[in-house]
Amino acid sequence: MVEKILENVVNEMAPHLSQDQLEHLSNVLYVNFHGLEVAEQCTELAATGEDGDEAKIRMFVASKKAVNRQTNTLKQYTREICNMLDFLGKRLEDITGMDLRYYYGVMRERRGIKMSTMQTRLHYLSSFWDFMITEDLVSSNPVKKVGLLKIEKTIKKPFSAAEMEALRTSCSELRDRALVEFLYSTGVRVSELVSLNVSDIEMGKQELIVYGKGSKERKTYLTDGAKFYLRRYLRTRCENEGITMEQLQSRPLFATLDRPHGRLTVAGVQYMLRQLGRRAGVEGVHPHRFRRTIATDLLSRGMPIEQVKEFLGHEKLDTTMIYCTVKTESVQASHRKYA
């Protein structure tokens, strides 16, 4: 009853408020009216035995492992599910859409979690509930009610040509320049990047095979610039480490600058790019933005979006559409051509 009343209030106010004001009103209502249902609510903590919520979570994680989901991804799923359960203090079968809306509201209003982060967390929860429905462990997915809320989508911008040039010229190490060119050329995810060895690169053909989500392999390519800087970087490593190119083949493609020159980690790449961004005066420098940039550039240069989808290793075209930002100048040029 309370949930229906709150939904009616939000709907009535929708024409009179901006998107941000409407979201704030909705969050405040759900946070303050949570727990005022007429029916008695169960507040018992989840059971911890084999028949409890922990067993369900283990079953869910096992199902994701069966389709080769990355370990880090599984940790994120598990962390969010446990955070939600700890916060609500209820058994999974007793959690309602009202509970999750309350959880969502507190995360946004009191803890300042970004909308994009909350969307990702809700995706984790929804996937978990969909699994339980498939296994006949619950009858419905309460996240669906939260998903009905209007969530404003922000466009994540690729690097401009000027920003890319600033990053290139600000590289103080040959390794960093090679890494920037490699990320832009291949569009690989950072997890794919750090798992590569030198032997994975076919320098003559300027191509390589990467293993993406679900261990699905795809072919990607090196631009002339990426090939040039990568070869210079690898030759310099051979000189510095006193080894031959043949001996280097079994070693990581990108290594730390300090001895013993171990494999560069995801955190190491992220830190290097943040520092590079500060020197270059470019905000929001992170590995995934290079992937978005090459996708947008390929699209604007005329590559069919179906081919961009294959290049990025996406299963659905909708995902590729999110990555590709149509540049204003492209729209203007097309308008002049067709209008």
Protein backbone atom coordinates (compact mmCIF):
# COMPACT_ATOMS: atom_id res chain seq x y z
CA MET A 1 0.00 0.00 0.00
CA VAL A 2 2.75 2.47 0.98
CA GLU A 3 4.70 1.67 -2.18
CA LYS A 4 1.68 2.36 -4.34
CA ILE A 5 1.12 5.70 -2.62
CA LEU A 6 4.74 6.73 -3.12
CA GLU A 7 4.62 5.77 -6.79
CA ASN A 8 1.49 7.89 -7.22
CA VAL A 9 3.17 10.89 -5.56
CA VAL A 10 6.21 10.61 -7.83
CA ASN A 11 4.03 10.26 -10.94
CA GLU A 12 1.92 13.26 -9.94
CA MET A 13 4.99 15.43 -9.42
CA ALA A 14 6.82 14.29 -12.55
CA PRO A 15 5.44 17.04 -14.84
CA HIS A 16 6.43 19.76 -12.36
CA LEU A 17 10.03 18.75 -11.52
CA SER A 18 13.32 18.31 -13.34
CA GLN A 19 14.87 14.83 -13.61
CA ASP A 20 17.27 15.53 -10.72
CA GLN A 21 14.52 17.00 -8.52
CA LEU A 22 12.22 14.09 -9.29
CA GLU A 23 14.91 11.57 -8.39
CA HIS A 24 15.70 13.41 -5.16
CA LEU A 25 12.00 13.47 -4.19
CA SER A 26 11.64 9.78 -4.97
CA ASN A 27 14.72 8.87 -2.92
CA VAL A 28 13.62 10.94 0.08
CA LEU A 29 10.11 9.44 0.03
CA TYR A 30 11.33 5.87 -0.14
CA VAL A 31 14.01 6.37 2.50
CA ASN A 32 11.64 7.99 5.00
CA PHE A 33 8.63 5.74 4.39
CA HIS A 34 10.50 2.48 4.28
CA GLY A 35 9.22 -0.03 6.85
CA LEU A 36 5.73 1.49 7.13
CA GLU A 37 3.97 -1.31 5.26
CA VAL A 38 0.75 -2.44 6.90
CA ALA A 39 1.81 -6.06 6.66
CA GLU A 40 4.40 -7.27 9.13
CA GLN A 41 7.89 -7.36 7.62
CA CYS A 42 10.39 -10.11 8.26
CA THR A 43 13.62 -8.78 9.77
CA GLU A 44 15.37 -12.05 10.59
CA LEU A 45 18.91 -12.42 9.35
CA ALA A 46 19.55 -14.86 6.54
CA ALA A 47 20.35 -18.44 7.49
CA THR A 48 23.98 -19.41 7.05
CA GLY A 49 23.57 -23.14 6.50
CA GLU A 50 23.61 -25.02 3.21
CA ASP A 51 19.92 -24.18 2.71
CA GLY A 52 20.46 -20.46 3.39
CA ASP A 53 21.46 -17.48 1.32
CA GLU A 54 25.16 -18.34 1.34
CA ALA A 55 24.39 -21.56 -0.53
CA LYS A 56 22.36 -19.63 -3.11
CA ILE A 57 25.23 -17.19 -3.65
CA ARG A 58 27.68 -20.07 -4.09
CA MET A 59 25.36 -21.67 -6.65
CA PHE A 60 25.11 -18.36 -8.51
CA VAL A 61 28.89 -17.87 -8.58
CA ALA A 62 29.35 -21.45 -9.80
CA SER A 63 26.91 -20.81 -12.65
CA LYS A 64 28.89 -17.73 -13.70
CA LYS A 65 32.18 -19.64 -13.52
CA ALA A 66 30.67 -22.23 -15.83
CA VAL A 67 30.41 -19.56 -18.54
CA ASN A 68 33.96 -18.34 -17.88
CA ARG A 69 33.21 -15.06 -16.13
CA GLN A 70 36.34 -13.29 -14.89
CA THR A 71 37.34 -13.75 -11.24
CA ASN A 72 37.25 -9.99 -10.58
CA THR A 73 33.73 -9.78 -12.01
CA LEU A 74 32.56 -12.60 -9.75
CA LYS A 75 34.03 -10.80 -6.73
CA GLN A 76 32.06 -7.68 -7.65
CA TYR A 77 28.82 -9.68 -7.96
CA THR A 78 29.39 -11.36 -4.61
CA ARG A 79 30.39 -8.13 -2.85
CA GLU A 80 27.26 -6.31 -3.96
CA ILE A 81 24.91 -9.17 -3.05
CA CYS A 82 26.47 -9.43 0.42
CA ASN A 83 26.40 -5.66 0.91
CA MET A 84 22.71 -5.60 0.08
CA LEU A 85 21.92 -8.50 2.43
CA ASP A 86 23.95 -6.98 5.27
CA PHE A 87 22.26 -3.62 4.78
CA LEU A 88 18.69 -4.97 4.72
CA GLY A 89 19.17 -7.79 7.23
CA LYS A 90 16.53 -9.93 5.56
CA ARG A 91 16.37 -13.30 3.85
CA LEU A 92 16.46 -13.26 0.08
CA GLU A 93 12.95 -14.62 -0.32
CA ASP A 94 11.59 -11.83 1.92
CA ILE A 95 13.21 -8.91 0.07
CA THR A 96 10.78 -6.74 -1.86
CA GLY A 97 11.06 -4.03 -4.46
CA MET A 98 10.36 -1.55 -1.66
CA ASP A 99 13.41 -2.84 0.24
CA LEU A 100 15.66 -2.45 -2.76
CA ARG A 101 14.27 1.00 -3.49
CA TYR A 102 15.12 1.93 0.10
CA TYR A 103 18.63 0.49 -0.34
CA TYR A 104 18.99 2.41 -3.59
CA GLY A 105 17.79 5.66 -2.01
CA VAL A 106 20.18 5.45 0.96
CA MET A 107 23.13 4.68 -1.31
CA ARG A 108 22.35 7.72 -3.44
CA GLU A 109 21.22 10.27 -0.85
CA ARG A 110 23.33 9.49 2.20
CA ARG A 111 26.44 7.91 0.74
CA GLY A 112 26.70 9.87 -2.49
CA ILE A 113 27.12 6.90 -4.83
CA LYS A 114 27.08 7.91 -8.49
CA MET A 115 24.10 6.98 -10.64
CA SER A 116 26.28 5.00 -13.04
CA THR A 117 27.70 2.99 -10.12
CA MET A 118 24.22 2.32 -8.80
CA GLN A 119 23.09 1.13 -12.22
CA THR A 120 25.94 -1.37 -12.28
CA ARG A 121 25.12 -2.60 -8.77
CA LEU A 122 21.48 -3.05 -9.66
CA HIS A 123 22.54 -5.04 -12.71
CA TYR A 124 24.48 -7.41 -10.44
CA LEU A 125 21.44 -7.89 -8.19
CA SER A 126 19.09 -8.39 -11.13
CA SER A 127 21.34 -11.06 -12.63
CA PHE A 128 21.40 -12.83 -9.26
CA TRP A 129 17.61 -12.81 -8.94
CA ASP A 130 17.16 -13.97 -12.52
CA PHE A 131 19.36 -16.95 -11.70
CA MET A 132 17.27 -17.78 -8.63
CA ILE A 133 14.08 -17.60 -10.69
CA THR A 134 15.57 -20.00 -13.23
CA GLU A 135 16.47 -22.39 -10.41
CA ASP A 136 12.96 -22.05 -8.86
CA LEU A 137 14.43 -20.59 -5.67
CA VAL A 138 12.24 -17.47 -5.79
CA SER A 139 9.15 -16.53 -7.78
CA SER A 140 9.96 -12.97 -8.92
CA ASN A 141 12.75 -10.43 -9.37
CA PRO A 142 12.23 -7.39 -7.09
CA VAL A 143 14.93 -5.46 -8.93
CA LYS A 144 12.54 -5.05 -11.87
CA LYS A 145 10.54 -2.48 -9.90
CA VAL A 146 13.67 -0.43 -9.28
CA GLY A 147 14.51 -0.75 -12.95
CA LEU A 148 11.26 0.99 -13.87
CA LEU A 149 12.60 4.24 -12.44
CA LYS A 150 13.84 6.76 -14.97
CA ILE A 151 17.60 6.94 -14.71
CA GLU A 152 19.29 9.74 -16.59
CA LYS A 153 22.00 8.46 -18.89
CA THR A 154 25.19 10.44 -19.32
CA ILE A 155 27.24 10.25 -22.48
CA LYS A 156 30.77 9.10 -21.77
CA LYS A 157 32.95 11.07 -24.14
CA PRO A 158 35.90 9.64 -26.06
CA PHE A 159 39.20 11.48 -26.23
CA SER A 160 39.32 14.33 -28.72
CA ALA A 161 42.14 14.49 -31.26
CA ALA A 162 43.75 17.26 -29.21
CA GLU A 163 43.54 15.19 -26.01
CA MET A 164 45.09 12.17 -27.71
CA GLU A 165 47.95 14.33 -28.97
CA ALA A 166 48.45 15.82 -25.50
CA LEU A 167 48.68 12.31 -24.01
CA ARG A 168 51.15 11.16 -26.64
CA THR A 169 53.49 14.12 -26.20
CA SER A 170 53.33 13.88 -22.40
CA CYS A 171 54.68 10.30 -22.27
CA SER A 172 58.01 10.40 -20.43
CA GLU A 173 58.74 6.70 -20.95
CA LEU A 174 58.88 4.77 -24.22
CA ARG A 175 56.80 2.04 -22.57
CA ASP A 176 54.03 4.51 -21.82
CA ARG A 177 53.90 5.80 -25.39
CA ALA A 178 53.80 2.22 -26.70
CA LEU A 179 51.00 1.39 -24.24
CA VAL A 180 48.91 4.44 -25.23
CA GLU A 181 49.28 3.62 -28.93
CA PHE A 182 48.49 -0.05 -28.25
CA LEU A 183 45.31 0.69 -26.27
CA TYR A 184 44.02 3.05 -28.95
CA SER A 185 44.97 0.80 -31.87
CA THR A 186 43.57 -2.47 -30.54
CA GLY A 187 40.67 -1.34 -28.37
CA VAL A 188 41.48 -4.10 -25.86
CA ARG A 189 40.16 -4.12 -22.32
CA VAL A 190 42.76 -3.49 -19.62
CA SER A 191 42.32 -7.04 -18.29
CA GLU A 192 43.09 -8.35 -21.78
CA LEU A 193 46.08 -6.04 -22.10
CA VAL A 194 47.87 -7.16 -18.94
CA SER A 195 47.47 -10.86 -19.76
CA LEU A 196 49.31 -10.60 -23.09
CA ASN A 197 52.82 -11.91 -23.67
CA VAL A 198 55.27 -10.72 -26.34
CA SER A 199 54.73 -13.97 -28.25
CA ASP A 200 51.02 -13.11 -28.69
CA ILE A 201 51.89 -10.34 -31.17
CA GLU A 202 52.32 -11.15 -34.86
CA MET A 203 54.36 -8.07 -35.68
CA GLY A 204 54.64 -8.83 -39.39
CA LYS A 205 50.86 -9.07 -39.86
CA GLN A 206 50.27 -6.33 -37.26
CA GLU A 207 47.64 -8.41 -35.49
CA LEU A 208 47.03 -10.43 -32.34
CA ILE A 209 44.48 -12.71 -30.72
CA VAL A 210 42.96 -11.66 -27.41
CA TYR A 211 40.70 -13.61 -25.09
CA GLY A 212 37.83 -11.51 -23.84
CA LYS A 213 34.84 -12.08 -21.59
CA GLY A 214 33.82 -15.71 -21.39
CA SER A 215 37.25 -16.67 -22.84
CA LYS A 216 35.97 -15.76 -26.31
CA GLU A 217 38.80 -15.07 -28.69
CA ARG A 218 38.87 -12.31 -31.27
CA LYS A 219 41.45 -10.82 -33.59
CA THR A 220 42.54 -7.21 -33.29
CA TYR A 221 45.11 -5.10 -35.08
CA LEU A 222 48.05 -2.72 -34.73
CA THR A 223 48.23 0.60 -36.49
CA ASP A 224 51.56 1.58 -38.03
CA GLY A 225 52.12 3.94 -35.11
CA ALA A 226 51.41 1.25 -32.53
CA LYS A 227 53.74 -1.17 -34.32
CA PHE A 228 56.51 1.44 -34.49
CA TYR A 229 56.47 2.30 -30.78
CA LEU A 230 55.91 -1.28 -29.65
CA ARG A 231 58.95 -2.50 -31.58
CA ARG A 232 61.08 0.32 -30.17
CA TYR A 233 59.88 -0.49 -26.66
CA LEU A 234 60.62 -4.21 -27.01
CA ARG A 235 64.09 -3.59 -28.46
CA THR A 236 64.85 -1.25 -25.55
CA ARG A 237 63.75 -3.93 -23.07
CA CYS A 238 66.11 -6.42 -24.66
CA GLU A 239 68.98 -3.97 -24.33
CA ASN A 240 68.16 -3.04 -20.73
CA GLU A 241 67.65 -6.64 -19.60
CA GLY A 242 70.55 -8.08 -21.61
CA ILE A 243 68.44 -10.68 -23.41
CA THR A 244 67.61 -11.54 -27.01
CA MET A 245 64.27 -10.92 -28.70
CA GLU A 246 63.74 -14.68 -28.75
CA GLN A 247 64.15 -14.84 -24.96
CA LEU A 248 61.72 -11.95 -24.58
CA GLN A 249 58.93 -13.85 -26.34
CA SER A 250 57.77 -15.70 -23.22
CA ARG A 251 57.67 -12.54 -21.09
CA PRO A 252 54.82 -10.07 -20.48
CA LEU A 253 54.10 -7.65 -23.30
CA PHE A 254 54.11 -4.70 -20.89
CA ALA A 255 56.31 -4.84 -17.81
CA THR A 256 57.12 -2.65 -14.83
CA LEU A 257 59.95 -0.17 -15.24
CA ASP A 258 61.79 -1.39 -12.15
CA ARG A 259 63.55 -4.72 -11.78
CA PRO A 260 62.70 -7.53 -11.94
CA HIS A 261 60.42 -6.10 -14.68
CA GLY A 262 57.36 -8.11 -13.71
CA ARG A 263 54.03 -8.12 -15.48
CA LEU A 264 52.25 -4.76 -15.40
CA THR A 265 48.99 -5.10 -13.44
CA VAL A 266 45.57 -3.54 -14.03
CA ALA A 267 46.16 -1.20 -11.10
CA GLY A 268 49.59 -0.33 -12.51
CA VAL A 269 48.13 0.63 -15.90
CA GLN A 270 45.40 2.68 -14.27
CA TYR A 271 47.89 4.54 -12.06
CA MET A 272 50.24 5.25 -14.98
CA LEU A 273 47.41 6.66 -17.08
CA ARG A 274 46.13 8.86 -14.23
CA GLN A 275 49.62 10.32 -13.84
CA LEU A 276 49.89 10.80 -17.59
CA GLY A 277 46.55 12.58 -17.63
CA ARG A 278 47.70 15.00 -14.95
CA ARG A 279 50.86 15.85 -16.89
CA ALA A 280 48.91 16.25 -20.13
CA GLY A 281 46.12 18.29 -18.56
CA VAL A 282 43.51 15.77 -19.71
CA GLU A 283 40.74 14.77 -17.30
CA GLY A 284 39.26 11.30 -16.92
CA VAL A 285 42.14 9.29 -18.38
CA HIS A 286 41.54 5.57 -17.89
CA PRO A 287 42.08 2.45 -20.04
CA HIS A 288 38.48 1.97 -21.13
CA ARG A 289 38.29 5.45 -22.60
CA PHE A 290 40.78 4.45 -25.31
CA ARG A 291 38.43 1.59 -26.25
CA ARG A 292 35.54 4.03 -26.52
CA THR A 293 37.68 6.42 -28.57
CA ILE A 294 38.78 3.94 -31.23
CA ALA A 295 35.20 2.64 -31.54
CA THR A 296 33.91 6.17 -32.12
CA ASP A 297 36.70 7.00 -34.56
CA LEU A 298 36.16 3.83 -36.59
CA LEU A 299 32.45 4.57 -36.83
CA SER A 300 33.01 8.18 -37.88
CA ARG A 301 35.48 7.05 -40.57
CA GLY A 302 32.87 4.82 -42.15
CA MET A 303 33.33 1.35 -40.64
CA PRO A 304 29.92 -0.37 -40.44
CA ILE A 305 28.75 -0.67 -36.87
CA GLU A 306 28.42 -4.46 -37.26
CA GLN A 307 32.18 -4.60 -37.90
CA VAL A 308 32.88 -2.29 -34.96
CA LYS A 309 30.86 -4.74 -32.84
CA GLU A 310 33.09 -7.63 -33.93
CA PHE A 311 36.22 -5.54 -33.39
CA LEU A 312 35.22 -4.79 -29.80
CA GLY A 313 34.09 -8.36 -29.12
CA HIS A 314 30.54 -7.42 -28.14
CA GLU A 315 27.72 -9.95 -28.20
CA LYS A 316 24.97 -7.38 -28.73
CA LEU A 317 24.83 -4.43 -31.10
CA ASP A 318 23.14 -2.38 -28.37
CA THR A 319 26.35 -2.52 -26.33
CA THR A 320 28.36 -1.21 -29.26
CA MET A 321 25.91 1.65 -29.70
CA ILE A 322 26.62 2.77 -26.14
CA TYR A 323 30.35 2.86 -26.88
CA CYS A 324 30.13 4.81 -30.11
CA THR A 325 29.60 8.54 -29.80
CA VAL A 326 28.61 10.19 -33.07
CA LYS A 327 30.68 13.32 -33.45
CA THR A 328 28.91 16.63 -34.06
CA GLU A 329 31.02 17.42 -37.11
CA SER A 330 30.00 14.09 -38.67
CA VAL A 331 26.34 14.95 -38.23
CA GLN A 332 26.94 18.38 -39.74
CA ALA A 333 28.76 16.90 -42.74
CA SER A 334 25.97 14.38 -43.32
CA HIS A 335 23.36 17.13 -43.09
CA ARG A 336 25.15 19.11 -45.78
CA LYS A 337 25.39 16.00 -47.94
CA TYR A 338 21.81 14.81 -47.68
CA ALA A 339 19.72 17.88 -46.84
